[in-house]
Amino acid sequence: MVDISAEVQRLSKRLSKMQKEYERFIAKLNSPKMGETVWNDLEKIWMDPSYKDISNRAKKNRTSSKGGVVHTGGSISIAEHTIQMAEELGRDPTLDEVFLKTHTKKKDNSWVDERAKKNI
């Protein structure tokens, strides 16, 4: 037979722990570098049904059989790669040059995937 009071106590502790973990998670998201007004505005955007629809479509596309977009650009934007390449080359790089830089492996210059190879 199950001791109901012990089970209630166990679940209460678990719920309390989950609440604390959630609060820590939210605290990490709410960056001190971001003002409260900006954060609140972002929350409004994230909760908007049209934003959620776009987000869900993007999520579905990333997990599709075609796969997500694979590149080697890291956290640097394509625009920043273009600027860096222009400084290195002394001229504006072509679209093909930027694509090659961001879709080939640095180690052996092989394509990141077959889809990238077909796009050039």
Protein backbone atom coordinates (compact mmCIF):
# COMPACT_ATOMS: atom_id res chain seq x y z
CA MET A 1 0.00 0.00 0.00
CA VAL A 2 1.23 3.47 -0.91
CA ASP A 3 1.81 5.97 1.90
CA ILE A 4 -0.12 8.93 0.51
CA SER A 5 1.43 11.54 2.80
CA ALA A 6 4.95 10.41 1.81
CA GLU A 7 3.97 10.51 -1.87
CA VAL A 8 2.48 14.01 -1.50
CA GLN A 9 5.64 15.18 0.27
CA ARG A 10 7.84 13.67 -2.47
CA LEU A 11 5.81 15.32 -5.22
CA SER A 12 5.78 18.63 -3.34
CA LYS A 13 9.59 18.61 -3.14
CA ARG A 14 9.80 17.74 -6.83
CA LEU A 15 7.45 20.55 -7.76
CA SER A 16 9.42 22.99 -5.62
CA LYS A 17 12.66 21.91 -7.29
CA MET A 18 11.10 22.33 -10.75
CA GLN A 19 9.90 25.83 -9.81
CA LYS A 20 13.40 26.84 -8.69
CA GLU A 21 14.94 25.42 -11.89
CA TYR A 22 12.40 27.34 -13.97
CA GLU A 23 13.15 30.58 -12.12
CA ARG A 24 16.91 30.09 -12.70
CA PHE A 25 16.22 29.41 -16.38
CA ILE A 26 14.15 32.59 -16.75
CA ALA A 27 16.75 34.61 -14.83
CA LYS A 28 19.43 33.48 -17.32
CA LEU A 29 17.22 34.51 -20.23
CA ASN A 30 16.49 37.94 -18.78
CA SER A 31 19.89 39.40 -19.52
CA PRO A 32 21.00 42.29 -17.31
CA LYS A 33 22.34 43.94 -20.48
CA MET A 34 18.79 44.24 -21.77
CA GLY A 35 16.40 46.78 -20.34
CA GLU A 36 13.09 45.64 -18.91
CA THR A 37 11.14 47.52 -21.59
CA VAL A 38 13.06 45.80 -24.38
CA TRP A 39 12.63 42.41 -22.71
CA ASN A 40 8.87 42.96 -22.31
CA ASP A 41 8.58 44.01 -25.96
CA LEU A 42 10.41 40.85 -27.03
CA GLU A 43 8.10 38.71 -24.91
CA LYS A 44 5.08 40.32 -26.63
CA ILE A 45 6.58 39.48 -30.03
CA TRP A 46 7.37 35.90 -29.01
CA MET A 47 3.82 35.36 -27.74
CA ASP A 48 2.17 36.77 -30.87
CA PRO A 49 0.36 34.00 -32.81
CA SER A 50 1.83 35.12 -36.15
CA TYR A 51 5.37 34.95 -34.71
CA LYS A 52 4.65 31.49 -33.29
CA ASP A 53 3.39 30.40 -36.71
CA ILE A 54 6.59 31.61 -38.41
CA SER A 55 8.68 29.97 -35.69
CA ASN A 56 6.86 26.65 -36.08
CA ARG A 57 7.25 26.72 -39.87
CA ALA A 58 10.99 27.39 -39.49
CA LYS A 59 11.26 24.57 -36.96
CA LYS A 60 9.48 22.22 -39.36
CA ASN A 61 11.79 23.26 -42.22
CA ARG A 62 14.91 22.64 -40.11
CA THR A 63 13.76 19.11 -39.31
CA SER A 64 12.53 18.29 -42.83
CA SER A 65 13.97 15.49 -44.93
CA LYS A 66 15.96 18.12 -46.83
CA GLY A 67 17.56 19.11 -43.55
CA GLY A 68 18.46 22.51 -42.24
CA VAL A 69 20.94 24.89 -43.77
CA VAL A 70 24.47 23.67 -43.14
CA HIS A 71 27.31 26.17 -43.27
CA THR A 72 30.70 26.80 -41.72
CA GLY A 73 30.22 30.47 -40.94
CA GLY A 74 29.80 29.95 -37.22
CA SER A 75 28.23 32.81 -35.32
CA ILE A 76 29.53 35.37 -37.84
CA SER A 77 26.87 36.65 -40.24
CA ILE A 78 27.24 36.34 -44.00
CA ALA A 79 27.47 40.15 -44.14
CA GLU A 80 30.41 40.12 -41.72
CA HIS A 81 32.12 37.34 -43.72
CA THR A 82 31.67 39.49 -46.82
CA ILE A 83 33.26 42.50 -45.10
CA GLN A 84 36.19 40.40 -43.86
CA MET A 85 36.72 38.90 -47.31
CA ALA A 86 36.65 42.37 -48.91
CA GLU A 87 39.42 43.47 -46.54
CA GLU A 88 41.47 40.33 -47.31
CA LEU A 89 40.97 40.50 -51.09
CA GLY A 90 41.12 44.28 -51.47
CA ARG A 91 37.83 44.16 -53.40
CA ASP A 92 34.25 43.07 -52.90
CA PRO A 93 33.99 39.27 -53.05
CA THR A 94 31.57 37.66 -55.50
CA LEU A 95 28.52 35.84 -54.20
CA ASP A 96 30.13 32.55 -55.28
CA GLU A 97 33.28 33.33 -53.27
CA VAL A 98 31.26 34.05 -50.13
CA PHE A 99 29.18 30.90 -50.67
CA LEU A 100 32.33 28.81 -51.10
CA LYS A 101 33.86 30.23 -47.92
CA THR A 102 30.77 29.56 -45.83
CA HIS A 103 29.84 26.15 -47.27
CA THR A 104 33.15 24.30 -47.49
CA LYS A 105 35.15 22.71 -44.70
CA LYS A 106 38.33 24.56 -43.79
CA LYS A 107 40.32 21.35 -43.27
CA ASP A 108 40.00 19.85 -46.75
CA ASN A 109 37.83 22.31 -48.74
CA SER A 110 35.13 19.65 -49.17
CA TRP A 111 31.46 20.66 -49.30
CA VAL A 112 29.54 20.62 -46.02
CA ASP A 113 26.79 18.58 -47.69
CA GLU A 114 25.45 17.54 -51.10
CA ARG A 115 22.84 20.28 -51.09
CA ALA A 116 25.52 22.99 -50.86
CA LYS A 117 27.44 21.33 -53.69
CA LYS A 118 24.34 21.42 -55.92
CA ASN A 119 23.65 25.10 -55.17
CA ILE A 120 26.87 26.43 -56.66
